[in-house]
Amino acid sequence: MTHREFFNRRKHIFMACFFFVLLVAIFAGYISVNEEWEWLFLVAYFCIPVLFVVLYVAVIFGFRCPSCRGQWGWIAMYSGSLISIRKGLMLCPYCGVELDTAVPSPGDTASSD
């Protein structure tokens, strides 16, 4: 898996969570209005802060470069399309690794002897 695929997979996961919560909010709001279940409106109401929490977690904690652990949150979430990072990004701004190179496995470390 390349670095680009790693970031795209992470973005898929976070956007799927975001759209799932959005769907729950819309569905709960629709049912609460049609069936007059006031308690279900609270579910829709509390989904709004959950949407912000999902985006916050994605930006602050969700994206780290697998090579240098650099914080990629804003770069990954707000560049490119909804499900992928921008194709023009070629290097990690923190360590300079090319995004189309393979992600190092957890056992690979650059140790000096």
PDB file of N, CA and C in Angstrom:
ATOM      1  N   MET A   1       0.846  -1.162   0.000  1.00  0.00           N
ATOM      2  CA  MET A   1       0.000   0.000   0.000  1.00  0.00           C
ATOM      3  C   MET A   1       0.898   1.235   0.000  1.00  0.00           C
ATOM      4  N   THR A   2       0.565   2.204  -0.848  1.00  0.00           N
ATOM      5  CA  THR A   2       1.340   3.439  -0.905  1.00  0.00           C
ATOM      6  C   THR A   2       0.820   4.422   0.138  1.00  0.00           C
ATOM      7  N   HIS A   3       1.581   5.495   0.336  1.00  0.00           N
ATOM      8  CA  HIS A   3       1.161   6.539   1.270  1.00  0.00           C
ATOM      9  C   HIS A   3      -0.163   7.164   0.807  1.00  0.00           C
ATOM     10  N   ARG A   4      -0.297   7.379  -0.492  1.00  0.00           N
ATOM     11  CA  ARG A   4      -1.531   7.970  -1.040  1.00  0.00           C
ATOM     12  C   ARG A   4      -2.733   7.061  -0.762  1.00  0.00           C
ATOM     13  N   GLU A   5      -2.563   5.758  -0.975  1.00  0.00           N
ATOM     14  CA  GLU A   5      -3.650   4.812  -0.686  1.00  0.00           C
ATOM     15  C   GLU A   5      -3.974   4.795   0.801  1.00  0.00           C
ATOM     16  N   PHE A   6      -2.954   4.919   1.639  1.00  0.00           N
ATOM     17  CA  PHE A   6      -3.148   4.965   3.080  1.00  0.00           C
ATOM     18  C   PHE A   6      -4.029   6.152   3.464  1.00  0.00           C
ATOM     19  N   PHE A   7      -3.698   7.339   2.940  1.00  0.00           N
ATOM     20  CA  PHE A   7      -4.489   8.534   3.254  1.00  0.00           C
ATOM     21  C   PHE A   7      -5.889   8.449   2.662  1.00  0.00           C
ATOM     22  N   ASN A   8      -6.007   7.939   1.460  1.00  0.00           N
ATOM     23  CA  ASN A   8      -7.331   7.813   0.837  1.00  0.00           C
ATOM     24  C   ASN A   8      -8.215   6.837   1.616  1.00  0.00           C
ATOM     25  N   ARG A   9      -7.634   5.746   2.095  1.00  0.00           N
ATOM     26  CA  ARG A   9      -8.409   4.784   2.885  1.00  0.00           C
ATOM     27  C   ARG A   9      -8.901   5.421   4.182  1.00  0.00           C
ATOM     28  N   ARG A  10      -8.031   6.191   4.837  1.00  0.00           N
ATOM     29  CA  ARG A  10      -8.438   6.894   6.045  1.00  0.00           C
ATOM     30  C   ARG A  10      -9.559   7.889   5.751  1.00  0.00           C
ATOM     31  N   LYS A  11      -9.429   8.602   4.650  1.00  0.00           N
ATOM     32  CA  LYS A  11     -10.456   9.579   4.294  1.00  0.00           C
ATOM     33  C   LYS A  11     -11.782   8.885   3.986  1.00  0.00           C
ATOM     34  N   HIS A  12     -11.737   7.726   3.339  1.00  0.00           N
ATOM     35  CA  HIS A  12     -12.962   6.950   3.086  1.00  0.00           C
ATOM     36  C   HIS A  12     -13.663   6.620   4.396  1.00  0.00           C
ATOM     37  N   ILE A  13     -12.904   6.181   5.372  1.00  0.00           N
ATOM     38  CA  ILE A  13     -13.483   5.785   6.659  1.00  0.00           C
ATOM     39  C   ILE A  13     -14.145   6.965   7.354  1.00  0.00           C
ATOM     40  N   PHE A  14     -13.446   8.087   7.421  1.00  0.00           N
ATOM     41  CA  PHE A  14     -14.011   9.244   8.108  1.00  0.00           C
ATOM     42  C   PHE A  14     -15.215   9.827   7.368  1.00  0.00           C
ATOM     43  N   MET A  15     -15.164   9.843   6.055  1.00  0.00           N
ATOM     44  CA  MET A  15     -16.305  10.372   5.317  1.00  0.00           C
ATOM     45  C   MET A  15     -17.497   9.421   5.395  1.00  0.00           C
ATOM     46  N   ALA A  16     -17.246   8.115   5.464  1.00  0.00           N
ATOM     47  CA  ALA A  16     -18.348   7.161   5.649  1.00  0.00           C
ATOM     48  C   ALA A  16     -19.005   7.376   7.006  1.00  0.00           C
ATOM     49  N   CYS A  17     -18.217   7.609   8.042  1.00  0.00           N
ATOM     50  CA  CYS A  17     -18.785   7.909   9.367  1.00  0.00           C
ATOM     51  C   CYS A  17     -19.590   9.197   9.330  1.00  0.00           C
ATOM     52  N   PHE A  18     -19.054  10.214   8.679  1.00  0.00           N
ATOM     53  CA  PHE A  18     -19.746  11.492   8.580  1.00  0.00           C
ATOM     54  C   PHE A  18     -21.089  11.339   7.884  1.00  0.00           C
ATOM     55  N   PHE A  19     -21.108  10.661   6.740  1.00  0.00           N
ATOM     56  CA  PHE A  19     -22.358  10.517   6.002  1.00  0.00           C
ATOM     57  C   PHE A  19     -23.333   9.575   6.700  1.00  0.00           C
ATOM     58  N   PHE A  20     -22.837   8.607   7.460  1.00  0.00           N
ATOM     59  CA  PHE A  20     -23.728   7.747   8.233  1.00  0.00           C
ATOM     60  C   PHE A  20     -24.454   8.564   9.301  1.00  0.00           C
ATOM     61  N   VAL A  21     -23.724   9.397  10.033  1.00  0.00           N
ATOM     62  CA  VAL A  21     -24.349  10.234  11.058  1.00  0.00           C
ATOM     63  C   VAL A  21     -25.311  11.223  10.411  1.00  0.00           C
ATOM     64  N   LEU A  22     -24.947  11.768   9.258  1.00  0.00           N
ATOM     65  CA  LEU A  22     -25.839  12.680   8.549  1.00  0.00           C
ATOM     66  C   LEU A  22     -27.126  11.976   8.128  1.00  0.00           C
ATOM     67  N   LEU A  23     -27.009  10.751   7.646  1.00  0.00           N
ATOM     68  CA  LEU A  23     -28.197   9.976   7.280  1.00  0.00           C
ATOM     69  C   LEU A  23     -29.078   9.676   8.485  1.00  0.00           C
ATOM     70  N   VAL A  24     -28.469   9.340   9.598  1.00  0.00           N
ATOM     71  CA  VAL A  24     -29.235   9.099  10.821  1.00  0.00           C
ATOM     72  C   VAL A  24     -29.985  10.358  11.227  1.00  0.00           C
ATOM     73  N   ALA A  25     -29.321  11.503  11.140  1.00  0.00           N
ATOM     74  CA  ALA A  25     -29.963  12.768  11.506  1.00  0.00           C
ATOM     75  C   ALA A  25     -31.145  13.071  10.592  1.00  0.00           C
ATOM     76  N   ILE A  26     -30.962  12.902   9.302  1.00  0.00           N
ATOM     77  CA  ILE A  26     -32.047  13.188   8.358  1.00  0.00           C
ATOM     78  C   ILE A  26     -33.199  12.213   8.555  1.00  0.00           C
ATOM     79  N   PHE A  27     -32.884  10.945   8.695  1.00  0.00           N
ATOM     80  CA  PHE A  27     -33.920   9.935   8.879  1.00  0.00           C
ATOM     81  C   PHE A  27     -34.681  10.157  10.191  1.00  0.00           C
ATOM     82  N   ALA A  28     -33.955  10.430  11.278  1.00  0.00           N
ATOM     83  CA  ALA A  28     -34.608  10.663  12.570  1.00  0.00           C
ATOM     84  C   ALA A  28     -35.462  11.920  12.521  1.00  0.00           C
ATOM     85  N   GLY A  29     -34.980  12.959  11.874  1.00  0.00           N
ATOM     86  CA  GLY A  29     -35.780  14.183  11.745  1.00  0.00           C
ATOM     87  C   GLY A  29     -37.036  13.959  10.928  1.00  0.00           C
ATOM     88  N   TYR A  30     -36.917  13.235   9.856  1.00  0.00           N
ATOM     89  CA  TYR A  30     -38.067  12.954   8.998  1.00  0.00           C
ATOM     90  C   TYR A  30     -39.116  12.117   9.730  1.00  0.00           C
ATOM     91  N   ILE A  31     -38.667  11.063  10.400  1.00  0.00           N
ATOM     92  CA  ILE A  31     -39.604  10.205  11.133  1.00  0.00           C
ATOM     93  C   ILE A  31     -40.244  10.966  12.300  1.00  0.00           C
ATOM     94  N   SER A  32     -39.451  11.794  12.992  1.00  0.00           N
ATOM     95  CA  SER A  32     -40.007  12.527  14.136  1.00  0.00           C
ATOM     96  C   SER A  32     -41.080  13.512  13.700  1.00  0.00           C
ATOM     97  N   VAL A  33     -40.945  14.103  12.532  1.00  0.00           N
ATOM     98  CA  VAL A  33     -41.956  15.040  12.039  1.00  0.00           C
ATOM     99  C   VAL A  33     -43.193  14.290  11.552  1.00  0.00           C
ATOM    100  N   ASN A  34     -43.011  13.219  10.820  1.00  0.00           N
ATOM    101  CA  ASN A  34     -44.147  12.484  10.264  1.00  0.00           C
ATOM    102  C   ASN A  34     -44.916  11.681  11.313  1.00  0.00           C
ATOM    103  N   GLU A  35     -44.223  11.083  12.253  1.00  0.00           N
ATOM    104  CA  GLU A  35     -44.874  10.251  13.257  1.00  0.00           C
ATOM    105  C   GLU A  35     -45.144  10.991  14.564  1.00  0.00           C
ATOM    106  N   GLU A  36     -44.667  12.233  14.651  1.00  0.00           N
ATOM    107  CA  GLU A  36     -44.821  13.080  15.838  1.00  0.00           C
ATOM    108  C   GLU A  36     -44.220  12.429  17.084  1.00  0.00           C
ATOM    109  N   TRP A  37     -43.044  11.884  16.939  1.00  0.00           N
ATOM    110  CA  TRP A  37     -42.293  11.342  18.067  1.00  0.00           C
ATOM    111  C   TRP A  37     -41.261  12.394  18.458  1.00  0.00           C
ATOM    112  N   GLU A  38     -41.557  13.149  19.497  1.00  0.00           N
ATOM    113  CA  GLU A  38     -40.677  14.246  19.897  1.00  0.00           C
ATOM    114  C   GLU A  38     -39.298  13.757  20.336  1.00  0.00           C
ATOM    115  N   TRP A  39     -39.261  12.596  20.980  1.00  0.00           N
ATOM    116  CA  TRP A  39     -37.983  12.085  21.465  1.00  0.00           C
ATOM    117  C   TRP A  39     -37.034  11.764  20.324  1.00  0.00           C
ATOM    118  N   LEU A  40     -37.572  11.395  19.165  1.00  0.00           N
ATOM    119  CA  LEU A  40     -36.716  11.079  18.025  1.00  0.00           C
ATOM    120  C   LEU A  40     -36.117  12.346  17.420  1.00  0.00           C
ATOM    121  N   PHE A  41     -36.780  13.473  17.634  1.00  0.00           N
ATOM    122  CA  PHE A  41     -36.210  14.734  17.180  1.00  0.00           C
ATOM    123  C   PHE A  41     -34.924  15.045  17.948  1.00  0.00           C
ATOM    124  N   LEU A  42     -34.851  14.628  19.204  1.00  0.00           N
ATOM    125  CA  LEU A  42     -33.623  14.818  19.980  1.00  0.00           C
ATOM    126  C   LEU A  42     -32.455  14.048  19.382  1.00  0.00           C
ATOM    127  N   VAL A  43     -32.742  12.874  18.837  1.00  0.00           N
ATOM    128  CA  VAL A  43     -31.685  12.098  18.176  1.00  0.00           C
ATOM    129  C   VAL A  43     -31.140  12.897  16.991  1.00  0.00           C
ATOM    130  N   ALA A  44     -32.041  13.458  16.198  1.00  0.00           N
ATOM    131  CA  ALA A  44     -31.612  14.268  15.056  1.00  0.00           C
ATOM    132  C   ALA A  44     -30.858  15.508  15.525  1.00  0.00           C
ATOM    133  N   TYR A  45     -31.329  16.092  16.598  1.00  0.00           N
ATOM    134  CA  TYR A  45     -30.701  17.302  17.134  1.00  0.00           C
ATOM    135  C   TYR A  45     -29.285  17.023  17.628  1.00  0.00           C
ATOM    136  N   PHE A  46     -29.082  15.899  18.316  1.00  0.00           N
ATOM    137  CA  PHE A  46     -27.768  15.574  18.850  1.00  0.00           C
ATOM    138  C   PHE A  46     -26.815  15.022  17.798  1.00  0.00           C
ATOM    139  N   CYS A  47     -27.307  14.719  16.625  1.00  0.00           N
ATOM    140  CA  CYS A  47     -26.414  14.297  15.537  1.00  0.00           C
ATOM    141  C   CYS A  47     -25.589  15.464  15.003  1.00  0.00           C
ATOM    142  N   ILE A  48     -26.080  16.680  15.173  1.00  0.00           N
ATOM    143  CA  ILE A  48     -25.351  17.852  14.670  1.00  0.00           C
ATOM    144  C   ILE A  48     -23.989  17.991  15.351  1.00  0.00           C
ATOM    145  N   PRO A  49     -23.922  17.976  16.696  1.00  0.00           N
ATOM    146  CA  PRO A  49     -22.580  18.041  17.288  1.00  0.00           C
ATOM    147  C   PRO A  49     -21.720  16.814  16.975  1.00  0.00           C
ATOM    148  N   VAL A  50     -22.353  15.670  16.786  1.00  0.00           N
ATOM    149  CA  VAL A  50     -21.587  14.465  16.447  1.00  0.00           C
ATOM    150  C   VAL A  50     -20.905  14.631  15.086  1.00  0.00           C
ATOM    151  N   LEU A  51     -21.571  15.303  14.151  1.00  0.00           N
ATOM    152  CA  LEU A  51     -20.949  15.575  12.849  1.00  0.00           C
ATOM    153  C   LEU A  51     -19.679  16.400  13.014  1.00  0.00           C
ATOM    154  N   PHE A  52     -19.750  17.415  13.879  1.00  0.00           N
ATOM    155  CA  PHE A  52     -18.565  18.233  14.123  1.00  0.00           C
ATOM    156  C   PHE A  52     -17.468  17.447  14.831  1.00  0.00           C
ATOM    157  N   VAL A  53     -17.841  16.555  15.722  1.00  0.00           N
ATOM    158  CA  VAL A  53     -16.856  15.731  16.419  1.00  0.00           C
ATOM    159  C   VAL A  53     -16.151  14.801  15.437  1.00  0.00           C
ATOM    160  N   VAL A  54     -16.897  14.226  14.508  1.00  0.00           N
ATOM    161  CA  VAL A  54     -16.280  13.339  13.505  1.00  0.00           C
ATOM    162  C   VAL A  54     -15.253  14.114  12.681  1.00  0.00           C
ATOM    163  N   LEU A  55     -15.613  15.302  12.235  1.00  0.00           N
ATOM    164  CA  LEU A  55     -14.659  16.101  11.456  1.00  0.00           C
ATOM    165  C   LEU A  55     -13.471  16.536  12.304  1.00  0.00           C
ATOM    166  N   TYR A  56     -13.712  16.897  13.551  1.00  0.00           N
ATOM    167  CA  TYR A  56     -12.632  17.313  14.436  1.00  0.00           C
ATOM    168  C   TYR A  56     -11.645  16.169  14.674  1.00  0.00           C
ATOM    169  N   VAL A  57     -12.173  15.002  14.960  1.00  0.00           N
ATOM    170  CA  VAL A  57     -11.306  13.831  15.190  1.00  0.00           C
ATOM    171  C   VAL A  57     -10.516  13.508  13.926  1.00  0.00           C
ATOM    172  N   ALA A  58     -11.161  13.624  12.774  1.00  0.00           N
ATOM    173  CA  ALA A  58     -10.453  13.351  11.518  1.00  0.00           C
ATOM    174  C   ALA A  58      -9.306  14.333  11.316  1.00  0.00           C
ATOM    175  N   VAL A  59      -9.558  15.598  11.559  1.00  0.00           N
ATOM    176  CA  VAL A  59      -8.534  16.612  11.311  1.00  0.00           C
ATOM    177  C   VAL A  59      -7.421  16.551  12.348  1.00  0.00           C
ATOM    178  N   ILE A  60      -7.767  16.407  13.614  1.00  0.00           N
ATOM    179  CA  ILE A  60      -6.756  16.483  14.663  1.00  0.00           C
ATOM    180  C   ILE A  60      -6.030  15.153  14.878  1.00  0.00           C
ATOM    181  N   PHE A  61      -6.757  14.058  14.879  1.00  0.00           N
ATOM    182  CA  PHE A  61      -6.151  12.772  15.241  1.00  0.00           C
ATOM    183  C   PHE A  61      -6.098  11.748  14.114  1.00  0.00           C
ATOM    184  N   GLY A  62      -6.852  11.942  13.049  1.00  0.00           N
ATOM    185  CA  GLY A  62      -7.055  10.888  12.067  1.00  0.00           C
ATOM    186  C   GLY A  62      -5.960  10.657  11.056  1.00  0.00           C
ATOM    187  N   PHE A  63      -5.199  11.668  10.737  1.00  0.00           N
ATOM    188  CA  PHE A  63      -4.230  11.542   9.659  1.00  0.00           C
ATOM    189  C   PHE A  63      -2.830  11.877  10.148  1.00  0.00           C
ATOM    190  N   ARG A  64      -1.999  10.858  10.183  1.00  0.00           N
ATOM    191  CA  ARG A  64      -0.576  11.017  10.486  1.00  0.00           C
ATOM    192  C   ARG A  64       0.213  10.327   9.395  1.00  0.00           C
ATOM    193  N   CYS A  65       1.299  10.937   8.981  1.00  0.00           N
ATOM    194  CA  CYS A  65       2.151  10.315   7.971  1.00  0.00           C
ATOM    195  C   CYS A  65       2.701   9.014   8.546  1.00  0.00           C
ATOM    196  N   PRO A  66       2.560   7.902   7.830  1.00  0.00           N
ATOM    197  CA  PRO A  66       3.066   6.633   8.367  1.00  0.00           C
ATOM    198  C   PRO A  66       4.593   6.578   8.452  1.00  0.00           C
ATOM    199  N   SER A  67       5.285   7.472   7.768  1.00  0.00           N
ATOM    200  CA  SER A  67       6.748   7.464   7.819  1.00  0.00           C
ATOM    201  C   SER A  67       7.302   8.322   8.950  1.00  0.00           C
ATOM    202  N   CYS A  68       6.760   9.550   9.098  1.00  0.00           N
ATOM    203  CA  CYS A  68       7.327  10.473  10.080  1.00  0.00           C
ATOM    204  C   CYS A  68       6.357  10.871  11.182  1.00  0.00           C
ATOM    205  N   ARG A  69       5.106  10.427  11.105  1.00  0.00           N
ATOM    206  CA  ARG A  69       4.050  10.756  12.055  1.00  0.00           C
ATOM    207  C   ARG A  69       3.671  12.235  12.029  1.00  0.00           C
ATOM    208  N   GLY A  70       3.937  12.909  10.902  1.00  0.00           N
ATOM    209  CA  GLY A  70       3.551  14.314  10.740  1.00  0.00           C
ATOM    210  C   GLY A  70       2.041  14.472  10.665  1.00  0.00           C
ATOM    211  N   GLN A  71       1.531  15.585  11.164  1.00  0.00           N
ATOM    212  CA  GLN A  71       0.094  15.843  11.236  1.00  0.00           C
ATOM    213  C   GLN A  71      -0.435  16.271   9.862  1.00  0.00           C
ATOM    214  N   TRP A  72      -1.221  15.411   9.231  1.00  0.00           N
ATOM    215  CA  TRP A  72      -1.759  15.638   7.891  1.00  0.00           C
ATOM    216  C   TRP A  72      -3.236  15.991   7.896  1.00  0.00           C
ATOM    217  N   GLY A  73      -3.841  16.263   9.022  1.00  0.00           N
ATOM    218  CA  GLY A  73      -5.286  16.429   9.116  1.00  0.00           C
ATOM    219  C   GLY A  73      -5.882  17.422   8.156  1.00  0.00           C
ATOM    220  N   TRP A  74      -5.439  18.662   8.208  1.00  0.00           N
ATOM    221  CA  TRP A  74      -6.004  19.698   7.328  1.00  0.00           C
ATOM    222  C   TRP A  74      -5.692  19.418   5.872  1.00  0.00           C
ATOM    223  N   ILE A  75      -4.480  18.973   5.613  1.00  0.00           N
ATOM    224  CA  ILE A  75      -4.084  18.696   4.230  1.00  0.00           C
ATOM    225  C   ILE A  75      -4.948  17.594   3.636  1.00  0.00           C
ATOM    226  N   ALA A  76      -5.149  16.534   4.378  1.00  0.00           N
ATOM    227  CA  ALA A  76      -5.890  15.387   3.858  1.00  0.00           C
ATOM    228  C   ALA A  76      -7.385  15.666   3.746  1.00  0.00           C
ATOM    229  N   MET A  77      -7.962  16.328   4.731  1.00  0.00           N
ATOM    230  CA  MET A  77      -9.409  16.517   4.728  1.00  0.00           C
ATOM    231  C   MET A  77      -9.867  17.612   3.776  1.00  0.00           C
ATOM    232  N   TYR A  78      -9.095  18.671   3.654  1.00  0.00           N
ATOM    233  CA  TYR A  78      -9.580  19.823   2.894  1.00  0.00           C
ATOM    234  C   TYR A  78      -8.881  20.018   1.561  1.00  0.00           C
ATOM    235  N   SER A  79      -8.210  19.007   1.069  1.00  0.00           N
ATOM    236  CA  SER A  79      -7.670  19.079  -0.285  1.00  0.00           C
ATOM    237  C   SER A  79      -8.175  17.863  -1.052  1.00  0.00           C
ATOM    238  N   GLY A  80      -8.428  18.047  -2.302  1.00  0.00           N
ATOM    239  CA  GLY A  80      -8.914  16.939  -3.109  1.00  0.00           C
ATOM    240  C   GLY A  80     -10.419  16.832  -3.075  1.00  0.00           C
ATOM    241  N   SER A  81     -10.902  15.632  -3.351  1.00  0.00           N
ATOM    242  CA  SER A  81     -12.347  15.408  -3.392  1.00  0.00           C
ATOM    243  C   SER A  81     -12.829  14.908  -2.035  1.00  0.00           C
ATOM    244  N   LEU A  82     -14.095  14.526  -1.984  1.00  0.00           N
ATOM    245  CA  LEU A  82     -14.654  14.022  -0.728  1.00  0.00           C
ATOM    246  C   LEU A  82     -14.025  12.711  -0.282  1.00  0.00           C
ATOM    247  N   ILE A  83     -13.534  11.914  -1.225  1.00  0.00           N
ATOM    248  CA  ILE A  83     -13.039  10.592  -0.859  1.00  0.00           C
ATOM    249  C   ILE A  83     -11.559  10.368  -1.145  1.00  0.00           C
ATOM    250  N   SER A  84     -10.853  11.386  -1.615  1.00  0.00           N
ATOM    251  CA  SER A  84      -9.429  11.196  -1.879  1.00  0.00           C
ATOM    252  C   SER A  84      -8.672  12.504  -1.690  1.00  0.00           C
ATOM    253  N   ILE A  85      -7.379  12.367  -1.436  1.00  0.00           N
ATOM    254  CA  ILE A  85      -6.555  13.554  -1.320  1.00  0.00           C
ATOM    255  C   ILE A  85      -6.219  14.054  -2.715  1.00  0.00           C
ATOM    256  N   ARG A  86      -5.749  15.275  -2.788  1.00  0.00           N
ATOM    257  CA  ARG A  86      -5.462  15.902  -4.075  1.00  0.00           C
ATOM    258  C   ARG A  86      -4.357  15.155  -4.823  1.00  0.00           C
ATOM    259  N   LYS A  87      -4.579  14.932  -6.093  1.00  0.00           N
ATOM    260  CA  LYS A  87      -3.598  14.200  -6.908  1.00  0.00           C
ATOM    261  C   LYS A  87      -2.304  14.985  -7.097  1.00  0.00           C
ATOM    262  N   GLY A  88      -2.360  16.296  -6.955  1.00  0.00           N
ATOM    263  CA  GLY A  88      -1.174  17.132  -7.111  1.00  0.00           C
ATOM    264  C   GLY A  88      -0.202  17.035  -5.951  1.00  0.00           C
ATOM    265  N   LEU A  89      -0.637  16.501  -4.833  1.00  0.00           N
ATOM    266  CA  LEU A  89       0.272  16.316  -3.699  1.00  0.00           C
ATOM    267  C   LEU A  89       1.238  15.188  -4.037  1.00  0.00           C
ATOM    268  N   MET A  90       2.505  15.484  -4.011  1.00  0.00           N
ATOM    269  CA  MET A  90       3.500  14.486  -4.379  1.00  0.00           C
ATOM    270  C   MET A  90       4.402  14.073  -3.220  1.00  0.00           C
ATOM    271  N   LEU A  91       4.578  14.970  -2.228  1.00  0.00           N
ATOM    272  CA  LEU A  91       5.508  14.714  -1.131  1.00  0.00           C
ATOM    273  C   LEU A  91       4.856  15.034   0.202  1.00  0.00           C
ATOM    274  N   CYS A  92       5.329  14.377   1.241  1.00  0.00           N
ATOM    275  CA  CYS A  92       4.927  14.737   2.600  1.00  0.00           C
ATOM    276  C   CYS A  92       5.639  16.045   2.945  1.00  0.00           C
ATOM    277  N   PRO A  93       4.904  17.050   3.426  1.00  0.00           N
ATOM    278  CA  PRO A  93       5.570  18.318   3.740  1.00  0.00           C
ATOM    279  C   PRO A  93       6.481  18.237   4.960  1.00  0.00           C
ATOM    280  N   TYR A  94       6.393  17.185   5.727  1.00  0.00           N
ATOM    281  CA  TYR A  94       7.190  17.056   6.945  1.00  0.00           C
ATOM    282  C   TYR A  94       8.483  16.266   6.737  1.00  0.00           C
ATOM    283  N   CYS A  95       8.408  15.157   6.015  1.00  0.00           N
ATOM    284  CA  CYS A  95       9.607  14.322   5.854  1.00  0.00           C
ATOM    285  C   CYS A  95      10.065  14.211   4.402  1.00  0.00           C
ATOM    286  N   GLY A  96       9.252  14.644   3.452  1.00  0.00           N
ATOM    287  CA  GLY A  96       9.641  14.629   2.054  1.00  0.00           C
ATOM    288  C   GLY A  96       9.484  13.302   1.345  1.00  0.00           C
ATOM    289  N   VAL A  97       8.862  12.317   1.969  1.00  0.00           N
ATOM    290  CA  VAL A  97       8.672  11.027   1.318  1.00  0.00           C
ATOM    291  C   VAL A  97       7.644  11.187   0.194  1.00  0.00           C
ATOM    292  N   GLU A  98       7.896  10.494  -0.913  1.00  0.00           N
ATOM    293  CA  GLU A  98       6.946  10.537  -2.021  1.00  0.00           C
ATOM    294  C   GLU A  98       5.700   9.752  -1.659  1.00  0.00           C
ATOM    295  N   LEU A  99       4.534  10.287  -2.013  1.00  0.00           N
ATOM    296  CA  LEU A  99       3.280   9.653  -1.643  1.00  0.00           C
ATOM    297  C   LEU A  99       2.998   8.389  -2.431  1.00  0.00           C
ATOM    298  N   ASP A 100       3.694   8.183  -3.531  1.00  0.00           N
ATOM    299  CA  ASP A 100       3.469   6.982  -4.325  1.00  0.00           C
ATOM    300  C   ASP A 100       4.463   5.867  -3.992  1.00  0.00           C
ATOM    301  N   THR A 101       5.200   6.014  -2.904  1.00  0.00           N
ATOM    302  CA  THR A 101       6.081   4.937  -2.439  1.00  0.00           C
ATOM    303  C   THR A 101       5.343   4.103  -1.390  1.00  0.00           C
ATOM    304  N   ALA A 102       5.834   2.914  -1.182  1.00  0.00           N
ATOM    305  CA  ALA A 102       5.178   1.991  -0.241  1.00  0.00           C
ATOM    306  C   ALA A 102       5.329   2.467   1.203  1.00  0.00           C
ATOM    307  N   VAL A 103       4.301   2.198   1.983  1.00  0.00           N
ATOM    308  CA  VAL A 103       4.328   2.511   3.408  1.00  0.00           C
ATOM    309  C   VAL A 103       5.254   1.521   4.091  1.00  0.00           C
ATOM    310  N   PRO A 104       6.148   1.992   4.960  1.00  0.00           N
ATOM    311  CA  PRO A 104       7.033   1.049   5.650  1.00  0.00           C
ATOM    312  C   PRO A 104       6.230   0.195   6.631  1.00  0.00           C
ATOM    313  N   SER A 105       6.606  -1.057   6.744  1.00  0.00           N
ATOM    314  CA  SER A 105       5.928  -1.935   7.701  1.00  0.00           C
ATOM    315  C   SER A 105       6.343  -1.532   9.108  1.00  0.00           C
ATOM    316  N   PRO A 106       5.554  -1.880  10.131  1.00  0.00           N
ATOM    317  CA  PRO A 106       5.862  -1.450  11.498  1.00  0.00           C
ATOM    318  C   PRO A 106       7.230  -1.898  12.007  1.00  0.00           C
ATOM    319  N   GLY A 107       7.763  -2.985  11.514  1.00  0.00           N
ATOM    320  CA  GLY A 107       9.058  -3.471  11.961  1.00  0.00           C
ATOM    321  C   GLY A 107      10.225  -2.747  11.321  1.00  0.00           C
ATOM    322  N   ASP A 108       9.980  -2.030  10.211  1.00  0.00           N
ATOM    323  CA  ASP A 108      11.063  -1.337   9.510  1.00  0.00           C
ATOM    324  C   ASP A 108      11.361  -0.014  10.201  1.00  0.00           C
ATOM    325  N   THR A 109      12.532   0.097  10.751  1.00  0.00           N
ATOM    326  CA  THR A 109      12.983   1.365  11.330  1.00  0.00           C
ATOM    327  C   THR A 109      14.382   1.644  10.819  1.00  0.00           C
ATOM    328  N   ALA A 110      14.671   2.880  10.668  1.00  0.00           N
ATOM    329  CA  ALA A 110      16.000   3.270  10.213  1.00  0.00           C
ATOM    330  C   ALA A 110      16.904   3.427  11.429  1.00  0.00           C
ATOM    331  N   SER A 111      17.494   2.328  11.866  1.00  0.00           N
ATOM    332  CA  SER A 111      18.369   2.386  13.028  1.00  0.00           C
ATOM    333  C   SER A 111      19.811   2.433  12.559  1.00  0.00           C
ATOM    334  N   SER A 112      20.575   3.228  13.274  1.00  0.00           N
ATOM    335  CA  SER A 112      21.983   3.320  12.914  1.00  0.00           C
ATOM    336  C   SER A 112      22.775   2.404  13.851  1.00  0.00           C
ATOM    337  N   ASP A 113      23.754   1.715  13.288  1.00  0.00           N
ATOM    338  CA  ASP A 113      24.558   0.757  14.071  1.00  0.00           C
ATOM    339  C   ASP A 113      25.837   1.393  14.510  1.00  0.00           C
TER     340      ASP A 113
END
